[in-house]
Amino acid sequence: MMIQGPVAAGADLDEVQVRDLMTVDTVTVTVDDTVCTAAEVMLEAGVRHIPVLRDGRPVGMLSIRDLLAVLLDGGSAP
């Protein structure tokens, strides 16, 4: 059974609001988490991007591409 969102179901994009599409239960990492922790959280949540927090406030966005660059380069930060 495949679940379709409003856009895939043919909704009028001029009428669809962000709240209709956004993820409600977000997962995050902190600036103090390791690269491996971030990768595990992203894999478990099935997401390709994850907000990065410092003191509970967003300071950046981490993508799977960012992680791959570090992991494939032997752990060097970009």
Protein backbone atom coordinates (compact mmCIF):
# COMPACT_ATOMS: atom_id res chain seq x y z
CA MET A 1 0.00 0.00 0.00
CA MET A 2 1.53 3.29 -1.11
CA ILE A 3 0.47 6.46 0.67
CA GLN A 4 0.33 9.58 -1.47
CA GLY A 5 0.71 13.11 -0.20
CA PRO A 6 -1.37 16.00 -1.50
CA VAL A 7 1.03 16.90 -4.31
CA ALA A 8 1.30 13.34 -5.64
CA ALA A 9 -2.49 13.11 -5.45
CA GLY A 10 -2.77 16.07 -7.82
CA ALA A 11 -3.50 18.88 -5.36
CA ASP A 12 -3.37 22.47 -6.61
CA LEU A 13 0.08 23.72 -5.58
CA ASP A 14 -1.28 27.26 -5.24
CA GLU A 15 -3.54 25.97 -2.47
CA VAL A 16 -1.28 23.47 -0.66
CA GLN A 17 0.34 24.94 2.45
CA VAL A 18 3.69 23.99 3.94
CA ARG A 19 1.99 22.53 7.03
CA ASP A 20 0.31 20.01 4.72
CA LEU A 21 3.68 18.69 3.55
CA MET A 22 6.11 19.15 6.43
CA THR A 23 7.44 16.43 8.68
CA VAL A 24 5.80 16.66 12.08
CA ASP A 25 8.10 14.42 14.09
CA THR A 26 11.51 15.78 13.20
CA VAL A 27 14.77 14.22 14.25
CA THR A 28 17.85 16.29 14.92
CA VAL A 29 21.48 16.03 15.90
CA THR A 30 23.67 18.45 17.82
CA VAL A 31 26.98 20.01 16.91
CA ASP A 32 28.57 17.71 19.49
CA ASP A 33 27.29 14.46 17.92
CA THR A 34 29.68 12.34 15.88
CA VAL A 35 29.41 11.78 12.15
CA CYS A 36 28.54 8.14 12.83
CA THR A 37 25.75 9.16 15.22
CA ALA A 38 24.32 11.52 12.61
CA ALA A 39 24.45 8.76 9.98
CA GLU A 40 22.70 6.30 12.32
CA VAL A 41 19.95 8.79 13.19
CA MET A 42 19.37 9.60 9.52
CA LEU A 43 19.31 5.93 8.53
CA GLU A 44 16.92 4.98 11.32
CA ALA A 45 14.58 7.89 10.52
CA GLY A 46 14.82 7.31 6.76
CA VAL A 47 15.76 10.93 6.05
CA ARG A 48 18.31 12.52 3.74
CA HIS A 49 18.61 15.83 5.60
CA ILE A 50 18.71 16.57 9.31
CA PRO A 51 18.76 19.83 11.28
CA VAL A 52 21.81 20.44 13.45
CA LEU A 53 21.21 22.14 16.80
CA ARG A 54 23.38 24.09 19.23
CA ASP A 55 21.81 24.85 22.61
CA GLY A 56 18.44 23.75 21.21
CA ARG A 57 18.53 26.19 18.30
CA PRO A 58 19.08 25.29 14.62
CA VAL A 59 22.49 26.27 13.30
CA GLY A 60 22.71 24.18 10.15
CA MET A 61 21.45 21.35 8.00
CA LEU A 62 23.33 18.13 7.38
CA SER A 63 22.71 16.10 4.24
CA ILE A 64 23.53 12.53 3.33
CA ARG A 65 25.92 13.99 0.75
CA ASP A 66 27.81 15.81 3.52
CA LEU A 67 28.15 12.55 5.44
CA LEU A 68 29.24 10.55 2.42
CA ALA A 69 31.94 13.09 1.59
CA VAL A 70 33.41 12.71 5.07
CA LEU A 71 32.98 8.95 5.33
CA LEU A 72 34.44 8.23 1.89
CA ASP A 73 37.36 10.59 2.48
CA GLY A 74 38.42 8.62 5.55
CA GLY A 75 36.91 10.96 8.12
CA SER A 76 38.25 14.33 6.98
CA ALA A 77 35.86 17.22 7.39
CA PRO A 78 35.10 19.10 4.15
